[in-house]
């Protein structure tokens, strides 16, 4: 199913909070060749290009629909192209800054992915990554539980994608074992309001053309009611992991 830029932009304020936190940690090394992995509509990449005026940025995303909105943002220091993170890793290019905000959680096997990302850094390069910590998010746990129950298990042919996001300790070990010793890794909680949560649930209506939609509505309401006793704060909290490192 293709990405929908309109639905994506409904939640950009949620993504912007961790984005600004992450961008403030980047050291302004001049000049700088930088890449934004999973840039989406390109708005955040454009902000980075303004923040670091001597850097040259390229934003990549696998979605043609998302990149369609990035064309108006291009200039001599900012370009976009349709490509996956995996394709970038197969190229010979290296970077002074590899940046990614709320995207690499969609890539598999982080035990293999992160050493490959580190190998694409130039000397003194920076790796700046933020991902939602899906295993610690109760809403993600509910959705995973639902996919293992009928009728979804049959309709999804038994498919369920466990989160590839690791623990902070695991990322520290990976980075340290691959030659990175200047680390800034932390987890931060961004509480979401009821209004945001309602909007998030409403956005699922974009799936109304799928035959499982009514089943999804019924079961999601049931599971949410069951889990509301655990407290709305737990359900609405969004856990983000920040990984900022520099190679020497």
C-alpha atoms as a PDB file:
ATOM      1  CA  UNK A   1       0.000   0.000   0.000  1.00  0.00           C
ATOM      2  CA  UNK A   2       1.563   3.372  -1.012  1.00  0.00           C
ATOM      3  CA  UNK A   3       2.253   6.117   1.518  1.00  0.00           C
ATOM      4  CA  UNK A   4      -0.368   8.868   1.694  1.00  0.00           C
ATOM      5  CA  UNK A   5       1.318  12.309   2.111  1.00  0.00           C
ATOM      6  CA  UNK A   6      -1.903  13.900   3.396  1.00  0.00           C
ATOM      7  CA  UNK A   7      -2.284  11.353   6.210  1.00  0.00           C
ATOM      8  CA  UNK A   8       1.475  11.551   6.863  1.00  0.00           C
ATOM      9  CA  UNK A   9       1.351  15.335   7.299  1.00  0.00           C
ATOM     10  CA  UNK A  10      -1.501  15.143   9.811  1.00  0.00           C
ATOM     11  CA  UNK A  11       1.044  13.887  12.331  1.00  0.00           C
ATOM     12  CA  UNK A  12       4.084  15.936  11.385  1.00  0.00           C
ATOM     13  CA  UNK A  13       3.994  17.896  14.657  1.00  0.00           C
ATOM     14  CA  UNK A  14       4.556  14.610  16.514  1.00  0.00           C
ATOM     15  CA  UNK A  15       7.626  13.902  14.368  1.00  0.00           C
ATOM     16  CA  UNK A  16       8.930  17.480  14.624  1.00  0.00           C
ATOM     17  CA  UNK A  17       9.485  17.413  18.395  1.00  0.00           C
ATOM     18  CA  UNK A  18      12.102  14.621  18.290  1.00  0.00           C
ATOM     19  CA  UNK A  19      13.438  16.007  14.993  1.00  0.00           C
ATOM     20  CA  UNK A  20      14.418  19.331  16.566  1.00  0.00           C
ATOM     21  CA  UNK A  21      15.884  17.572  19.603  1.00  0.00           C
ATOM     22  CA  UNK A  22      18.033  15.433  17.332  1.00  0.00           C
ATOM     23  CA  UNK A  23      19.110  18.226  14.986  1.00  0.00           C
ATOM     24  CA  UNK A  24      20.298  20.327  17.944  1.00  0.00           C
ATOM     25  CA  UNK A  25      22.808  17.592  18.818  1.00  0.00           C
ATOM     26  CA  UNK A  26      24.545  17.652  15.432  1.00  0.00           C
ATOM     27  CA  UNK A  27      27.931  19.384  15.373  1.00  0.00           C
ATOM     28  CA  UNK A  28      28.309  21.903  12.566  1.00  0.00           C
ATOM     29  CA  UNK A  29      31.325  20.516  10.755  1.00  0.00           C
ATOM     30  CA  UNK A  30      32.121  22.691   7.726  1.00  0.00           C
ATOM     31  CA  UNK A  31      31.743  21.734   4.953  1.00  0.00           C
ATOM     32  CA  UNK A  32      29.565  18.646   5.259  1.00  0.00           C
ATOM     33  CA  UNK A  33      28.196  16.063   2.827  1.00  0.00           C
ATOM     34  CA  UNK A  34      24.947  14.820   4.372  1.00  0.00           C
ATOM     35  CA  UNK A  35      22.141  12.382   3.658  1.00  0.00           C
ATOM     36  CA  UNK A  36      18.662  12.096   5.179  1.00  0.00           C
ATOM     37  CA  UNK A  37      17.416   8.497   5.106  1.00  0.00           C
ATOM     38  CA  UNK A  38      13.627   8.239   4.804  1.00  0.00           C
ATOM     39  CA  UNK A  39      13.127  11.963   4.222  1.00  0.00           C
ATOM     40  CA  UNK A  40       9.393  11.697   3.470  1.00  0.00           C
ATOM     41  CA  UNK A  41       8.091  14.951   1.963  1.00  0.00           C
ATOM     42  CA  UNK A  42      11.493  16.607   2.431  1.00  0.00           C
ATOM     43  CA  UNK A  43      10.392  19.385   4.791  1.00  0.00           C
ATOM     44  CA  UNK A  44      12.730  18.353   7.592  1.00  0.00           C
ATOM     45  CA  UNK A  45      15.652  17.905   5.191  1.00  0.00           C
ATOM     46  CA  UNK A  46      15.086  21.481   4.017  1.00  0.00           C
ATOM     47  CA  UNK A  47      15.212  22.696   7.634  1.00  0.00           C
ATOM     48  CA  UNK A  48      18.536  20.892   8.097  1.00  0.00           C
ATOM     49  CA  UNK A  49      19.914  22.494   4.930  1.00  0.00           C
ATOM     50  CA  UNK A  50      19.035  25.929   6.330  1.00  0.00           C
ATOM     51  CA  UNK A  51      20.469  25.094   9.747  1.00  0.00           C
ATOM     52  CA  UNK A  52      23.812  24.018   8.237  1.00  0.00           C
ATOM     53  CA  UNK A  53      24.436  26.521   5.407  1.00  0.00           C
ATOM     54  CA  UNK A  54      27.758  25.005   4.307  1.00  0.00           C
ATOM     55  CA  UNK A  55      26.411  21.468   4.059  1.00  0.00           C
ATOM     56  CA  UNK A  56      25.125  19.732   0.940  1.00  0.00           C
ATOM     57  CA  UNK A  57      22.118  17.520   1.629  1.00  0.00           C
ATOM     58  CA  UNK A  58      20.418  14.742  -0.264  1.00  0.00           C
ATOM     59  CA  UNK A  59      17.149  13.262   0.947  1.00  0.00           C
ATOM     60  CA  UNK A  60      16.142   9.765  -0.073  1.00  0.00           C
ATOM     61  CA  UNK A  61      12.845   7.977   0.303  1.00  0.00           C
ATOM     62  CA  UNK A  62      11.327   4.861  -1.234  1.00  0.00           C
ATOM     63  CA  UNK A  63       7.953   6.551  -1.838  1.00  0.00           C
ATOM     64  CA  UNK A  64       7.390   8.423  -5.099  1.00  0.00           C
ATOM     65  CA  UNK A  65       4.187   9.884  -3.619  1.00  0.00           C
ATOM     66  CA  UNK A  66       6.093  11.456  -0.740  1.00  0.00           C
ATOM     67  CA  UNK A  67       8.923  12.766  -2.899  1.00  0.00           C
ATOM     68  CA  UNK A  68       6.464  14.474  -5.246  1.00  0.00           C
ATOM     69  CA  UNK A  69       6.050  17.169  -2.591  1.00  0.00           C
ATOM     70  CA  UNK A  70       9.811  17.657  -2.189  1.00  0.00           C
ATOM     71  CA  UNK A  71      10.439  19.017  -5.696  1.00  0.00           C
ATOM     72  CA  UNK A  72       9.641  22.611  -4.758  1.00  0.00           C
ATOM     73  CA  UNK A  73      12.231  22.501  -1.951  1.00  0.00           C
ATOM     74  CA  UNK A  74      15.259  21.649  -4.083  1.00  0.00           C
ATOM     75  CA  UNK A  75      18.146  24.074  -4.530  1.00  0.00           C
ATOM     76  CA  UNK A  76      21.876  23.933  -5.239  1.00  0.00           C
ATOM     77  CA  UNK A  77      22.561  22.409  -1.790  1.00  0.00           C
ATOM     78  CA  UNK A  78      19.457  20.260  -1.438  1.00  0.00           C
ATOM     79  CA  UNK A  79      18.367  17.412  -3.696  1.00  0.00           C
ATOM     80  CA  UNK A  80      16.041  14.423  -3.435  1.00  0.00           C
ATOM     81  CA  UNK A  81      15.885  11.043  -5.104  1.00  0.00           C
ATOM     82  CA  UNK A  82      13.818   7.876  -4.855  1.00  0.00           C
ATOM     83  CA  UNK A  83      15.960   5.211  -3.243  1.00  0.00           C
ATOM     84  CA  UNK A  84      15.895   2.853  -0.284  1.00  0.00           C
ATOM     85  CA  UNK A  85      18.309   2.762   2.630  1.00  0.00           C
ATOM     86  CA  UNK A  86      19.374  -0.702   1.506  1.00  0.00           C
ATOM     87  CA  UNK A  87      20.255   0.618  -1.972  1.00  0.00           C
ATOM     88  CA  UNK A  88      22.321   3.416  -0.432  1.00  0.00           C
ATOM     89  CA  UNK A  89      24.288   0.872   1.575  1.00  0.00           C
ATOM     90  CA  UNK A  90      25.202  -0.981  -1.620  1.00  0.00           C
ATOM     91  CA  UNK A  91      26.720   2.156  -3.185  1.00  0.00           C
ATOM     92  CA  UNK A  92      30.305   3.389  -2.808  1.00  0.00           C
ATOM     93  CA  UNK A  93      29.285   6.811  -1.444  1.00  0.00           C
ATOM     94  CA  UNK A  94      30.372   7.983   1.999  1.00  0.00           C
ATOM     95  CA  UNK A  95      28.996  10.795   4.131  1.00  0.00           C
ATOM     96  CA  UNK A  96      29.984  13.292   6.805  1.00  0.00           C
ATOM     97  CA  UNK A  97      26.492  13.097   8.283  1.00  0.00           C
ATOM     98  CA  UNK A  98      23.985  10.253   8.075  1.00  0.00           C
ATOM     99  CA  UNK A  99      20.681  11.525   9.460  1.00  0.00           C
ATOM    100  CA  UNK A 100      17.361   9.730   9.898  1.00  0.00           C
ATOM    101  CA  UNK A 101      14.274  10.756  11.845  1.00  0.00           C
ATOM    102  CA  UNK A 102      11.469   8.242  12.449  1.00  0.00           C
ATOM    103  CA  UNK A 103      12.314   6.038   9.470  1.00  0.00           C
ATOM    104  CA  UNK A 104      14.793   3.253  10.247  1.00  0.00           C
ATOM    105  CA  UNK A 105      12.258   1.397  12.397  1.00  0.00           C
ATOM    106  CA  UNK A 106      10.919   0.177   9.034  1.00  0.00           C
ATOM    107  CA  UNK A 107      14.283  -1.410   8.141  1.00  0.00           C
ATOM    108  CA  UNK A 108      14.976  -4.972   9.251  1.00  0.00           C
ATOM    109  CA  UNK A 109      17.873  -6.509  11.162  1.00  0.00           C
ATOM    110  CA  UNK A 110      19.467  -3.579  12.977  1.00  0.00           C
ATOM    111  CA  UNK A 111      22.305  -5.830  14.153  1.00  0.00           C
ATOM    112  CA  UNK A 112      23.405  -5.882  10.504  1.00  0.00           C
ATOM    113  CA  UNK A 113      22.084  -2.459   9.448  1.00  0.00           C
ATOM    114  CA  UNK A 114      23.970  -0.250  11.907  1.00  0.00           C
ATOM    115  CA  UNK A 115      27.482  -1.597  11.214  1.00  0.00           C
ATOM    116  CA  UNK A 116      26.763  -1.019   7.519  1.00  0.00           C
ATOM    117  CA  UNK A 117      25.651   2.560   8.221  1.00  0.00           C
ATOM    118  CA  UNK A 118      28.822   3.208  10.237  1.00  0.00           C
ATOM    119  CA  UNK A 119      30.926   1.912   7.338  1.00  0.00           C
ATOM    120  CA  UNK A 120      29.443   4.674   5.155  1.00  0.00           C
ATOM    121  CA  UNK A 121      30.763   7.470   7.399  1.00  0.00           C
ATOM    122  CA  UNK A 122      33.784   9.533   6.423  1.00  0.00           C
ATOM    123  CA  UNK A 123      36.486  10.118   9.032  1.00  0.00           C
ATOM    124  CA  UNK A 124      34.962  12.230  11.846  1.00  0.00           C
ATOM    125  CA  UNK A 125      31.509  11.565  10.390  1.00  0.00           C
ATOM    126  CA  UNK A 126      28.327  11.785  12.448  1.00  0.00           C
ATOM    127  CA  UNK A 127      25.464   9.310  12.744  1.00  0.00           C
ATOM    128  CA  UNK A 128      22.255  11.003  13.952  1.00  0.00           C
ATOM    129  CA  UNK A 129      19.226   8.725  14.206  1.00  0.00           C
ATOM    130  CA  UNK A 130      15.877   8.844  15.979  1.00  0.00           C
ATOM    131  CA  UNK A 131      13.298   6.056  16.013  1.00  0.00           C
ATOM    132  CA  UNK A 132      10.083   5.423  17.937  1.00  0.00           C
ATOM    133  CA  UNK A 133      10.687   2.673  20.473  1.00  0.00           C
ATOM    134  CA  UNK A 134       7.857   0.457  19.234  1.00  0.00           C
ATOM    135  CA  UNK A 135       8.407  -2.491  21.618  1.00  0.00           C
ATOM    136  CA  UNK A 136       7.690  -0.173  24.561  1.00  0.00           C
ATOM    137  CA  UNK A 137       4.559   1.389  23.078  1.00  0.00           C
ATOM    138  CA  UNK A 138       1.343  -0.238  24.294  1.00  0.00           C
ATOM    139  CA  UNK A 139      -0.588   0.711  21.155  1.00  0.00           C
ATOM    140  CA  UNK A 140       1.986  -1.142  19.039  1.00  0.00           C
ATOM    141  CA  UNK A 141       1.660  -4.112  21.372  1.00  0.00           C
ATOM    142  CA  UNK A 142      -2.121  -4.075  20.918  1.00  0.00           C
ATOM    143  CA  UNK A 143      -1.829  -4.037  17.120  1.00  0.00           C
ATOM    144  CA  UNK A 144       0.675  -6.877  17.209  1.00  0.00           C
ATOM    145  CA  UNK A 145      -1.658  -8.874  19.457  1.00  0.00           C
ATOM    146  CA  UNK A 146      -4.596  -8.235  17.120  1.00  0.00           C
ATOM    147  CA  UNK A 147      -2.678  -9.519  14.094  1.00  0.00           C
ATOM    148  CA  UNK A 148      -2.326 -12.887  15.848  1.00  0.00           C
ATOM    149  CA  UNK A 149      -6.075 -13.165  16.463  1.00  0.00           C
ATOM    150  CA  UNK A 150      -8.877 -14.081  14.096  1.00  0.00           C
ATOM    151  CA  UNK A 151     -10.038 -12.872  11.663  1.00  0.00           C
ATOM    152  CA  UNK A 152      -6.816 -10.929  11.111  1.00  0.00           C
ATOM    153  CA  UNK A 153      -4.496 -13.926  11.356  1.00  0.00           C
ATOM    154  CA  UNK A 154      -6.255 -15.578   8.406  1.00  0.00           C
ATOM    155  CA  UNK A 155      -6.703 -12.368   6.416  1.00  0.00           C
ATOM    156  CA  UNK A 156      -3.030 -11.475   6.873  1.00  0.00           C
ATOM    157  CA  UNK A 157      -1.937 -15.029   6.032  1.00  0.00           C
ATOM    158  CA  UNK A 158      -0.251 -15.266   9.411  1.00  0.00           C
ATOM    159  CA  UNK A 159       1.943 -12.233   8.723  1.00  0.00           C
ATOM    160  CA  UNK A 160       3.095 -10.149  11.663  1.00  0.00           C
ATOM    161  CA  UNK A 161       6.140  -7.878  11.668  1.00  0.00           C
ATOM    162  CA  UNK A 162       7.940  -7.712  15.020  1.00  0.00           C
ATOM    163  CA  UNK A 163       9.659  -4.387  15.619  1.00  0.00           C
ATOM    164  CA  UNK A 164      13.289  -4.328  14.554  1.00  0.00           C
ATOM    165  CA  UNK A 165      14.132  -1.590  17.093  1.00  0.00           C
ATOM    166  CA  UNK A 166      16.636  -2.769  19.698  1.00  0.00           C
ATOM    167  CA  UNK A 167      17.312  -1.670  23.268  1.00  0.00           C
ATOM    168  CA  UNK A 168      19.676   1.182  24.095  1.00  0.00           C
ATOM    169  CA  UNK A 169      22.195  -1.302  25.515  1.00  0.00           C
ATOM    170  CA  UNK A 170      22.207  -3.242  22.252  1.00  0.00           C
ATOM    171  CA  UNK A 171      22.825  -0.093  20.185  1.00  0.00           C
ATOM    172  CA  UNK A 172      25.651   0.969  22.506  1.00  0.00           C
ATOM    173  CA  UNK A 173      27.316  -2.407  22.034  1.00  0.00           C
ATOM    174  CA  UNK A 174      26.918  -2.311  18.231  1.00  0.00           C
ATOM    175  CA  UNK A 175      28.322   1.215  17.945  1.00  0.00           C
ATOM    176  CA  UNK A 176      31.218   0.581  20.321  1.00  0.00           C
ATOM    177  CA  UNK A 177      32.170  -2.681  18.613  1.00  0.00           C
ATOM    178  CA  UNK A 178      32.255  -0.835  15.273  1.00  0.00           C
ATOM    179  CA  UNK A 179      34.750   1.787  16.387  1.00  0.00           C
ATOM    180  CA  UNK A 180      32.473   4.553  17.715  1.00  0.00           C
ATOM    181  CA  UNK A 181      33.442   5.820  21.151  1.00  0.00           C
ATOM    182  CA  UNK A 182      31.852   9.311  21.258  1.00  0.00           C
ATOM    183  CA  UNK A 183      28.230   8.354  21.982  1.00  0.00           C
ATOM    184  CA  UNK A 184      25.096  10.244  22.954  1.00  0.00           C
ATOM    185  CA  UNK A 185      22.245   7.749  23.208  1.00  0.00           C
ATOM    186  CA  UNK A 186      19.065   8.307  25.196  1.00  0.00           C
ATOM    187  CA  UNK A 187      15.362   7.589  25.375  1.00  0.00           C
ATOM    188  CA  UNK A 188      12.737  10.300  25.780  1.00  0.00           C
ATOM    189  CA  UNK A 189       8.988  10.148  26.373  1.00  0.00           C
ATOM    190  CA  UNK A 190       6.682  12.471  24.445  1.00  0.00           C
ATOM    191  CA  UNK A 191       3.189  12.309  26.017  1.00  0.00           C
ATOM    192  CA  UNK A 192       0.392  12.604  23.445  1.00  0.00           C
ATOM    193  CA  UNK A 193      -2.866  14.406  24.068  1.00  0.00           C
ATOM    194  CA  UNK A 194      -6.285  12.758  23.739  1.00  0.00           C
ATOM    195  CA  UNK A 195      -6.861  14.905  20.660  1.00  0.00           C
ATOM    196  CA  UNK A 196      -3.763  13.462  18.963  1.00  0.00           C
ATOM    197  CA  UNK A 197      -4.750   9.932  19.958  1.00  0.00           C
ATOM    198  CA  UNK A 198      -8.247  10.434  18.537  1.00  0.00           C
ATOM    199  CA  UNK A 199      -6.775  11.748  15.299  1.00  0.00           C
ATOM    200  CA  UNK A 200      -4.443   8.753  15.140  1.00  0.00           C
ATOM    201  CA  UNK A 201      -7.327   6.315  15.459  1.00  0.00           C
ATOM    202  CA  UNK A 202      -9.449   8.253  12.965  1.00  0.00           C
ATOM    203  CA  UNK A 203      -6.630   8.034  10.423  1.00  0.00           C
ATOM    204  CA  UNK A 204      -7.211   4.300  10.196  1.00  0.00           C
ATOM    205  CA  UNK A 205     -10.425   5.120   8.342  1.00  0.00           C
ATOM    206  CA  UNK A 206      -8.243   5.600   5.306  1.00  0.00           C
ATOM    207  CA  UNK A 207      -8.335   1.784   5.200  1.00  0.00           C
ATOM    208  CA  UNK A 208     -12.122   1.698   4.775  1.00  0.00           C
ATOM    209  CA  UNK A 209     -11.866   0.045   1.349  1.00  0.00           C
ATOM    210  CA  UNK A 210     -10.323  -3.069   2.904  1.00  0.00           C
ATOM    211  CA  UNK A 211     -12.776  -5.873   3.826  1.00  0.00           C
ATOM    212  CA  UNK A 212     -11.178  -6.293   7.264  1.00  0.00           C
ATOM    213  CA  UNK A 213     -11.995  -2.705   8.274  1.00  0.00           C
ATOM    214  CA  UNK A 214     -15.175  -3.478  10.234  1.00  0.00           C
ATOM    215  CA  UNK A 215     -13.431  -6.323  12.050  1.00  0.00           C
ATOM    216  CA  UNK A 216     -10.558  -4.021  12.829  1.00  0.00           C
ATOM    217  CA  UNK A 217     -12.888  -1.384  14.277  1.00  0.00           C
ATOM    218  CA  UNK A 218     -14.690  -3.915  16.453  1.00  0.00           C
ATOM    219  CA  UNK A 219     -11.593  -5.629  17.812  1.00  0.00           C
ATOM    220  CA  UNK A 220      -9.543  -2.457  18.242  1.00  0.00           C
ATOM    221  CA  UNK A 221     -12.310  -0.915  20.358  1.00  0.00           C
ATOM    222  CA  UNK A 222     -12.464  -4.085  22.452  1.00  0.00           C
ATOM    223  CA  UNK A 223      -8.711  -4.236  23.009  1.00  0.00           C
ATOM    224  CA  UNK A 224      -8.437  -0.525  23.706  1.00  0.00           C
ATOM    225  CA  UNK A 225     -11.194  -0.762  26.322  1.00  0.00           C
ATOM    226  CA  UNK A 226      -9.360  -3.684  27.934  1.00  0.00           C
ATOM    227  CA  UNK A 227      -6.120  -1.724  28.051  1.00  0.00           C
ATOM    228  CA  UNK A 228      -7.523   1.625  29.128  1.00  0.00           C
ATOM    229  CA  UNK A 229      -7.409   0.344  32.761  1.00  0.00           C
ATOM    230  CA  UNK A 230      -3.613   0.474  32.398  1.00  0.00           C
ATOM    231  CA  UNK A 231      -3.964   4.211  32.088  1.00  0.00           C
ATOM    232  CA  UNK A 232      -4.361   6.479  29.079  1.00  0.00           C
ATOM    233  CA  UNK A 233      -0.899   7.879  29.589  1.00  0.00           C
ATOM    234  CA  UNK A 234       0.714   4.508  28.972  1.00  0.00           C
ATOM    235  CA  UNK A 235      -1.226   4.006  25.754  1.00  0.00           C
ATOM    236  CA  UNK A 236      -0.581   7.492  24.426  1.00  0.00           C
ATOM    237  CA  UNK A 237       3.087   7.813  25.322  1.00  0.00           C
ATOM    238  CA  UNK A 238       5.476   7.752  22.407  1.00  0.00           C
ATOM    239  CA  UNK A 239       8.918   6.425  23.237  1.00  0.00           C
ATOM    240  CA  UNK A 240      11.686   7.749  21.059  1.00  0.00           C
ATOM    241  CA  UNK A 241      15.285   6.611  20.890  1.00  0.00           C
ATOM    242  CA  UNK A 242      17.996   9.038  19.886  1.00  0.00           C
ATOM    243  CA  UNK A 243      21.310   7.829  18.611  1.00  0.00           C
ATOM    244  CA  UNK A 244      24.009  10.403  17.989  1.00  0.00           C
ATOM    245  CA  UNK A 245      27.540   9.249  17.482  1.00  0.00           C
ATOM    246  CA  UNK A 246      30.737  10.442  15.959  1.00  0.00           C
ATOM    247  CA  UNK A 247      33.476   8.348  14.417  1.00  0.00           C
ATOM    248  CA  UNK A 248      37.098   9.270  14.982  1.00  0.00           C
END
